[in-house]
Amino acid sequence: MSKLLEQTIARVRDLPQDEQNSAAGALMEYLDGLRDLQISDEQLAEVRRRRKADDGKYLSIAEARARLLHRGQ
């Protein structure tokens, strides 16, 4: 497990149960969306390049989906 995911889970554990459930639901929605996500080889290469760069900037799920859907047009 990545350090960022471990830190995130630790923060979620400190939340009240209803907020933990909301966070879990958001993560499940994200994971379910990955199954439906199809990207080109070029987009995959860009994702890999950016993961290596790891500039510490992250997008929300909604922002990532919007960008991916926009590129597919």
PDB file of N, CA and C in Angstrom:
ATOM      1  N   MET A   1       0.846  -1.170   0.000  1.00  0.00           N
ATOM      2  CA  MET A   1       0.000   0.000   0.000  1.00  0.00           C
ATOM      3  C   MET A   1       0.894   1.236   0.000  1.00  0.00           C
ATOM      4  N   SER A   2       0.484   2.235  -0.766  1.00  0.00           N
ATOM      5  CA  SER A   2       1.301   3.446  -0.840  1.00  0.00           C
ATOM      6  C   SER A   2       1.204   4.249   0.457  1.00  0.00           C
ATOM      7  N   LYS A   3       2.208   5.061   0.674  1.00  0.00           N
ATOM      8  CA  LYS A   3       2.238   5.889   1.884  1.00  0.00           C
ATOM      9  C   LYS A   3       1.063   6.872   1.885  1.00  0.00           C
ATOM     10  N   LEU A   4       0.748   7.433   0.722  1.00  0.00           N
ATOM     11  CA  LEU A   4      -0.363   8.372   0.638  1.00  0.00           C
ATOM     12  C   LEU A   4      -1.683   7.689   0.995  1.00  0.00           C
ATOM     13  N   LEU A   5      -1.901   6.479   0.490  1.00  0.00           N
ATOM     14  CA  LEU A   5      -3.130   5.762   0.813  1.00  0.00           C
ATOM     15  C   LEU A   5      -3.187   5.426   2.300  1.00  0.00           C
ATOM     16  N   GLU A   6      -2.081   5.024   2.884  1.00  0.00           N
ATOM     17  CA  GLU A   6      -2.040   4.741   4.320  1.00  0.00           C
ATOM     18  C   GLU A   6      -2.386   5.987   5.138  1.00  0.00           C
ATOM     19  N   GLN A   7      -1.836   7.145   4.741  1.00  0.00           N
ATOM     20  CA  GLN A   7      -2.122   8.395   5.444  1.00  0.00           C
ATOM     21  C   GLN A   7      -3.594   8.767   5.300  1.00  0.00           C
ATOM     22  N   THR A   8      -4.130   8.553   4.116  1.00  0.00           N
ATOM     23  CA  THR A   8      -5.535   8.876   3.875  1.00  0.00           C
ATOM     24  C   THR A   8      -6.448   7.994   4.710  1.00  0.00           C
ATOM     25  N   ILE A   9      -6.176   6.711   4.749  1.00  0.00           N
ATOM     26  CA  ILE A   9      -6.989   5.789   5.549  1.00  0.00           C
ATOM     27  C   ILE A   9      -6.903   6.153   7.026  1.00  0.00           C
ATOM     28  N   ALA A  10      -5.734   6.538   7.487  1.00  0.00           N
ATOM     29  CA  ALA A  10      -5.585   6.952   8.883  1.00  0.00           C
ATOM     30  C   ALA A  10      -6.458   8.166   9.172  1.00  0.00           C
ATOM     31  N   ARG A  11      -6.521   9.114   8.241  1.00  0.00           N
ATOM     32  CA  ARG A  11      -7.371  10.290   8.432  1.00  0.00           C
ATOM     33  C   ARG A  11      -8.840   9.910   8.422  1.00  0.00           C
ATOM     34  N   VAL A  12      -9.215   8.992   7.557  1.00  0.00           N
ATOM     35  CA  VAL A  12     -10.614   8.562   7.482  1.00  0.00           C
ATOM     36  C   VAL A  12     -11.021   7.866   8.772  1.00  0.00           C
ATOM     37  N   ARG A  13     -10.125   7.101   9.358  1.00  0.00           N
ATOM     38  CA  ARG A  13     -10.427   6.408  10.622  1.00  0.00           C
ATOM     39  C   ARG A  13     -10.781   7.374  11.743  1.00  0.00           C
ATOM     40  N   ASP A  14     -10.268   8.594  11.673  1.00  0.00           N
ATOM     41  CA  ASP A  14     -10.536   9.592  12.705  1.00  0.00           C
ATOM     42  C   ASP A  14     -11.883  10.290  12.519  1.00  0.00           C
ATOM     43  N   LEU A  15     -12.541  10.061  11.404  1.00  0.00           N
ATOM     44  CA  LEU A  15     -13.827  10.695  11.119  1.00  0.00           C
ATOM     45  C   LEU A  15     -14.967   9.968  11.825  1.00  0.00           C
ATOM     46  N   PRO A  16     -16.094  10.665  12.030  1.00  0.00           N
ATOM     47  CA  PRO A  16     -17.278   9.970  12.531  1.00  0.00           C
ATOM     48  C   PRO A  16     -17.728   8.901  11.528  1.00  0.00           C
ATOM     49  N   GLN A  17     -18.478   7.916  11.997  1.00  0.00           N
ATOM     50  CA  GLN A  17     -18.842   6.770  11.160  1.00  0.00           C
ATOM     51  C   GLN A  17     -19.571   7.174   9.882  1.00  0.00           C
ATOM     52  N   ASP A  18     -20.485   8.131   9.956  1.00  0.00           N
ATOM     53  CA  ASP A  18     -21.218   8.512   8.740  1.00  0.00           C
ATOM     54  C   ASP A  18     -20.286   9.132   7.703  1.00  0.00           C
ATOM     55  N   GLU A  19     -19.285   9.876   8.150  1.00  0.00           N
ATOM     56  CA  GLU A  19     -18.318  10.456   7.221  1.00  0.00           C
ATOM     57  C   GLU A  19     -17.368   9.382   6.689  1.00  0.00           C
ATOM     58  N   GLN A  20     -17.033   8.392   7.520  1.00  0.00           N
ATOM     59  CA  GLN A  20     -16.244   7.259   7.036  1.00  0.00           C
ATOM     60  C   GLN A  20     -16.992   6.551   5.907  1.00  0.00           C
ATOM     61  N   ASN A  21     -18.302   6.365   6.105  1.00  0.00           N
ATOM     62  CA  ASN A  21     -19.108   5.719   5.072  1.00  0.00           C
ATOM     63  C   ASN A  21     -19.141   6.539   3.793  1.00  0.00           C
ATOM     64  N   SER A  22     -19.211   7.851   3.923  1.00  0.00           N
ATOM     65  CA  SER A  22     -19.184   8.717   2.742  1.00  0.00           C
ATOM     66  C   SER A  22     -17.857   8.595   2.001  1.00  0.00           C
ATOM     67  N   ALA A  23     -16.769   8.595   2.764  1.00  0.00           N
ATOM     68  CA  ALA A  23     -15.439   8.460   2.150  1.00  0.00           C
ATOM     69  C   ALA A  23     -15.296   7.101   1.476  1.00  0.00           C
ATOM     70  N   ALA A  24     -15.784   6.061   2.141  1.00  0.00           N
ATOM     71  CA  ALA A  24     -15.725   4.716   1.554  1.00  0.00           C
ATOM     72  C   ALA A  24     -16.559   4.656   0.278  1.00  0.00           C
ATOM     73  N   GLY A  25     -17.722   5.290   0.295  1.00  0.00           N
ATOM     74  CA  GLY A  25     -18.567   5.324  -0.900  1.00  0.00           C
ATOM     75  C   GLY A  25     -17.892   6.034  -2.054  1.00  0.00           C
ATOM     76  N   ALA A  26     -17.207   7.138  -1.756  1.00  0.00           N
ATOM     77  CA  ALA A  26     -16.494   7.869  -2.806  1.00  0.00           C
ATOM     78  C   ALA A  26     -15.369   7.026  -3.392  1.00  0.00           C
ATOM     79  N   LEU A  27     -14.653   6.313  -2.535  1.00  0.00           N
ATOM     80  CA  LEU A  27     -13.578   5.447  -3.014  1.00  0.00           C
ATOM     81  C   LEU A  27     -14.136   4.303  -3.857  1.00  0.00           C
ATOM     82  N   MET A  28     -15.241   3.715  -3.411  1.00  0.00           N
ATOM     83  CA  MET A  28     -15.860   2.628  -4.180  1.00  0.00           C
ATOM     84  C   MET A  28     -16.351   3.134  -5.539  1.00  0.00           C
ATOM     85  N   GLU A  29     -16.921   4.337  -5.551  1.00  0.00           N
ATOM     86  CA  GLU A  29     -17.365   4.931  -6.813  1.00  0.00           C
ATOM     87  C   GLU A  29     -16.183   5.116  -7.762  1.00  0.00           C
ATOM     88  N   TYR A  30     -15.075   5.581  -7.213  1.00  0.00           N
ATOM     89  CA  TYR A  30     -13.861   5.752  -8.009  1.00  0.00           C
ATOM     90  C   TYR A  30     -13.399   4.410  -8.578  1.00  0.00           C
ATOM     91  N   LEU A  31     -13.342   3.396  -7.735  1.00  0.00           N
ATOM     92  CA  LEU A  31     -12.883   2.079  -8.180  1.00  0.00           C
ATOM     93  C   LEU A  31     -13.831   1.477  -9.215  1.00  0.00           C
ATOM     94  N   ASP A  32     -15.141   1.649  -9.012  1.00  0.00           N
ATOM     95  CA  ASP A  32     -16.109   1.162  -9.992  1.00  0.00           C
ATOM     96  C   ASP A  32     -15.935   1.882 -11.321  1.00  0.00           C
ATOM     97  N   GLY A  33     -15.624   3.171 -11.257  1.00  0.00           N
ATOM     98  CA  GLY A  33     -15.409   3.951 -12.475  1.00  0.00           C
ATOM     99  C   GLY A  33     -14.189   3.501 -13.248  1.00  0.00           C
ATOM    100  N   LEU A  34     -13.187   2.973 -12.544  1.00  0.00           N
ATOM    101  CA  LEU A  34     -11.987   2.500 -13.234  1.00  0.00           C
ATOM    102  C   LEU A  34     -12.308   1.349 -14.177  1.00  0.00           C
ATOM    103  N   ARG A  35     -13.284   0.524 -13.806  1.00  0.00           N
ATOM    104  CA  ARG A  35     -13.665  -0.596 -14.665  1.00  0.00           C
ATOM    105  C   ARG A  35     -14.216  -0.118 -15.990  1.00  0.00           C
ATOM    106  N   ASP A  36     -14.891   1.024 -15.965  1.00  0.00           N
ATOM    107  CA  ASP A  36     -15.522   1.553 -17.170  1.00  0.00           C
ATOM    108  C   ASP A  36     -14.600   2.479 -17.951  1.00  0.00           C
ATOM    109  N   LEU A  37     -13.475   2.808 -17.368  1.00  0.00           N
ATOM    110  CA  LEU A  37     -12.564   3.773 -17.959  1.00  0.00           C
ATOM    111  C   LEU A  37     -11.710   3.123 -19.036  1.00  0.00           C
ATOM    112  N   GLN A  38     -11.766   3.683 -20.220  1.00  0.00           N
ATOM    113  CA  GLN A  38     -10.919   3.205 -21.297  1.00  0.00           C
ATOM    114  C   GLN A  38     -10.122   4.389 -21.821  1.00  0.00           C
ATOM    115  N   ILE A  39      -8.817   4.239 -21.815  1.00  0.00           N
ATOM    116  CA  ILE A  39      -7.962   5.310 -22.298  1.00  0.00           C
ATOM    117  C   ILE A  39      -7.046   4.770 -23.382  1.00  0.00           C
ATOM    118  N   SER A  40      -6.556   5.677 -24.193  1.00  0.00           N
ATOM    119  CA  SER A  40      -5.668   5.295 -25.289  1.00  0.00           C
ATOM    120  C   SER A  40      -4.275   4.976 -24.747  1.00  0.00           C
ATOM    121  N   ASP A  41      -3.469   4.347 -25.578  1.00  0.00           N
ATOM    122  CA  ASP A  41      -2.076   4.066 -25.196  1.00  0.00           C
ATOM    123  C   ASP A  41      -1.330   5.360 -24.901  1.00  0.00           C
ATOM    124  N   GLU A  42      -1.644   6.401 -25.674  1.00  0.00           N
ATOM    125  CA  GLU A  42      -0.999   7.700 -25.466  1.00  0.00           C
ATOM    126  C   GLU A  42      -1.383   8.277 -24.101  1.00  0.00           C
ATOM    127  N   GLN A  43      -2.669   8.171 -23.733  1.00  0.00           N
ATOM    128  CA  GLN A  43      -3.112   8.660 -22.430  1.00  0.00           C
ATOM    129  C   GLN A  43      -2.486   7.850 -21.300  1.00  0.00           C
ATOM    130  N   LEU A  44      -2.395   6.550 -21.478  1.00  0.00           N
ATOM    131  CA  LEU A  44      -1.764   5.707 -20.464  1.00  0.00           C
ATOM    132  C   LEU A  44      -0.306   6.097 -20.272  1.00  0.00           C
ATOM    133  N   ALA A  45       0.391   6.351 -21.364  1.00  0.00           N
ATOM    134  CA  ALA A  45       1.788   6.770 -21.271  1.00  0.00           C
ATOM    135  C   ALA A  45       1.904   8.086 -20.508  1.00  0.00           C
ATOM    136  N   GLU A  46       0.957   9.011 -20.743  1.00  0.00           N
ATOM    137  CA  GLU A  46       0.968  10.292 -20.030  1.00  0.00           C
ATOM    138  C   GLU A  46       0.701  10.101 -18.538  1.00  0.00           C
ATOM    139  N   VAL A  47      -0.219   9.227 -18.196  1.00  0.00           N
ATOM    140  CA  VAL A  47      -0.484   8.928 -16.782  1.00  0.00           C
ATOM    141  C   VAL A  47       0.773   8.392 -16.120  1.00  0.00           C
ATOM    142  N   ARG A  48       1.426   7.457 -16.778  1.00  0.00           N
ATOM    143  CA  ARG A  48       2.656   6.875 -16.214  1.00  0.00           C
ATOM    144  C   ARG A  48       3.746   7.929 -16.063  1.00  0.00           C
ATOM    145  N   ARG A  49       3.869   8.820 -17.052  1.00  0.00           N
ATOM    146  CA  ARG A  49       4.872   9.880 -16.984  1.00  0.00           C
ATOM    147  C   ARG A  49       4.590  10.789 -15.790  1.00  0.00           C
ATOM    148  N   ARG A  50       3.335  11.152 -15.616  1.00  0.00           N
ATOM    149  CA  ARG A  50       2.972  12.053 -14.519  1.00  0.00           C
ATOM    150  C   ARG A  50       3.134  11.386 -13.159  1.00  0.00           C
ATOM    151  N   ARG A  51       2.857  10.090 -13.081  1.00  0.00           N
ATOM    152  CA  ARG A  51       3.042   9.384 -11.807  1.00  0.00           C
ATOM    153  C   ARG A  51       4.509   9.364 -11.420  1.00  0.00           C
ATOM    154  N   LYS A  52       5.382   9.228 -12.408  1.00  0.00           N
ATOM    155  CA  LYS A  52       6.817   9.250 -12.114  1.00  0.00           C
ATOM    156  C   LYS A  52       7.250  10.633 -11.644  1.00  0.00           C
ATOM    157  N   ALA A  53       6.689  11.680 -12.240  1.00  0.00           N
ATOM    158  CA  ALA A  53       7.050  13.053 -11.886  1.00  0.00           C
ATOM    159  C   ALA A  53       6.583  13.371 -10.469  1.00  0.00           C
ATOM    160  N   ASP A  54       5.393  12.886 -10.085  1.00  0.00           N
ATOM    161  CA  ASP A  54       4.806  13.075  -8.748  1.00  0.00           C
ATOM    162  C   ASP A  54       5.108  14.452  -8.177  1.00  0.00           C
ATOM    163  N   ASP A  55       4.481  15.463  -8.786  1.00  0.00           N
ATOM    164  CA  ASP A  55       4.691  16.834  -8.332  1.00  0.00           C
ATOM    165  C   ASP A  55       3.842  17.198  -7.119  1.00  0.00           C
ATOM    166  N   GLY A  56       3.103  16.220  -6.590  1.00  0.00           N
ATOM    167  CA  GLY A  56       2.306  16.458  -5.402  1.00  0.00           C
ATOM    168  C   GLY A  56       0.957  17.089  -5.668  1.00  0.00           C
ATOM    169  N   LYS A  57       0.621  17.322  -6.951  1.00  0.00           N
ATOM    170  CA  LYS A  57      -0.667  17.900  -7.298  1.00  0.00           C
ATOM    171  C   LYS A  57      -1.639  16.781  -7.621  1.00  0.00           C
ATOM    172  N   TYR A  58      -2.810  16.828  -7.023  1.00  0.00           N
ATOM    173  CA  TYR A  58      -3.812  15.794  -7.231  1.00  0.00           C
ATOM    174  C   TYR A  58      -5.132  16.426  -7.623  1.00  0.00           C
ATOM    175  N   LEU A  59      -5.906  15.684  -8.400  1.00  0.00           N
ATOM    176  CA  LEU A  59      -7.224  16.131  -8.818  1.00  0.00           C
ATOM    177  C   LEU A  59      -8.288  15.381  -8.039  1.00  0.00           C
ATOM    178  N   SER A  60      -9.435  16.010  -7.924  1.00  0.00           N
ATOM    179  CA  SER A  60     -10.571  15.288  -7.353  1.00  0.00           C
ATOM    180  C   SER A  60     -11.034  14.267  -8.394  1.00  0.00           C
ATOM    181  N   ILE A  61     -11.846  13.333  -7.977  1.00  0.00           N
ATOM    182  CA  ILE A  61     -12.384  12.339  -8.897  1.00  0.00           C
ATOM    183  C   ILE A  61     -13.166  13.030 -10.006  1.00  0.00           C
ATOM    184  N   ALA A  62     -13.973  14.002  -9.647  1.00  0.00           N
ATOM    185  CA  ALA A  62     -14.782  14.717 -10.636  1.00  0.00           C
ATOM    186  C   ALA A  62     -13.900  15.438 -11.653  1.00  0.00           C
ATOM    187  N   GLU A  63     -12.827  16.076 -11.190  1.00  0.00           N
ATOM    188  CA  GLU A  63     -11.918  16.772 -12.101  1.00  0.00           C
ATOM    189  C   GLU A  63     -11.219  15.792 -13.038  1.00  0.00           C
ATOM    190  N   ALA A  64     -10.795  14.651 -12.500  1.00  0.00           N
ATOM    191  CA  ALA A  64     -10.119  13.650 -13.331  1.00  0.00           C
ATOM    192  C   ALA A  64     -11.065  13.106 -14.398  1.00  0.00           C
ATOM    193  N   ARG A  65     -12.286  12.767 -14.002  1.00  0.00           N
ATOM    194  CA  ARG A  65     -13.266  12.265 -14.976  1.00  0.00           C
ATOM    195  C   ARG A  65     -13.549  13.296 -16.056  1.00  0.00           C
ATOM    196  N   ALA A  66     -13.730  14.541 -15.657  1.00  0.00           N
ATOM    197  CA  ALA A  66     -14.015  15.593 -16.624  1.00  0.00           C
ATOM    198  C   ALA A  66     -12.876  15.741 -17.627  1.00  0.00           C
ATOM    199  N   ARG A  67     -11.654  15.688 -17.146  1.00  0.00           N
ATOM    200  CA  ARG A  67     -10.508  15.811 -18.055  1.00  0.00           C
ATOM    201  C   ARG A  67     -10.413  14.615 -18.988  1.00  0.00           C
ATOM    202  N   LEU A  68     -10.632  13.419 -18.463  1.00  0.00           N
ATOM    203  CA  LEU A  68     -10.555  12.230 -19.303  1.00  0.00           C
ATOM    204  C   LEU A  68     -11.663  12.214 -20.343  1.00  0.00           C
ATOM    205  N   LEU A  69     -12.858  12.609 -19.955  1.00  0.00           N
ATOM    206  CA  LEU A  69     -13.976  12.640 -20.899  1.00  0.00           C
ATOM    207  C   LEU A  69     -13.749  13.704 -21.963  1.00  0.00           C
ATOM    208  N   HIS A  70     -13.185  14.834 -21.571  1.00  0.00           N
ATOM    209  CA  HIS A  70     -12.905  15.919 -22.504  1.00  0.00           C
ATOM    210  C   HIS A  70     -11.867  15.493 -23.545  1.00  0.00           C
ATOM    211  N   ARG A  71     -10.838  14.760 -23.145  1.00  0.00           N
ATOM    212  CA  ARG A  71      -9.789  14.310 -24.073  1.00  0.00           C
ATOM    213  C   ARG A  71     -10.304  13.280 -25.069  1.00  0.00           C
ATOM    214  N   GLY A  72     -11.328  12.534 -24.677  1.00  0.00           N
ATOM    215  CA  GLY A  72     -11.864  11.506 -25.556  1.00  0.00           C
ATOM    216  C   GLY A  72     -12.713  12.058 -26.690  1.00  0.00           C
ATOM    217  N   GLN A  73     -12.992  13.358 -26.650  1.00  0.00           N
ATOM    218  CA  GLN A  73     -13.862  13.957 -27.676  1.00  0.00           C
ATOM    219  C   GLN A  73     -13.083  14.441 -28.857  1.00  0.00           C
TER     220      GLN A  73
END
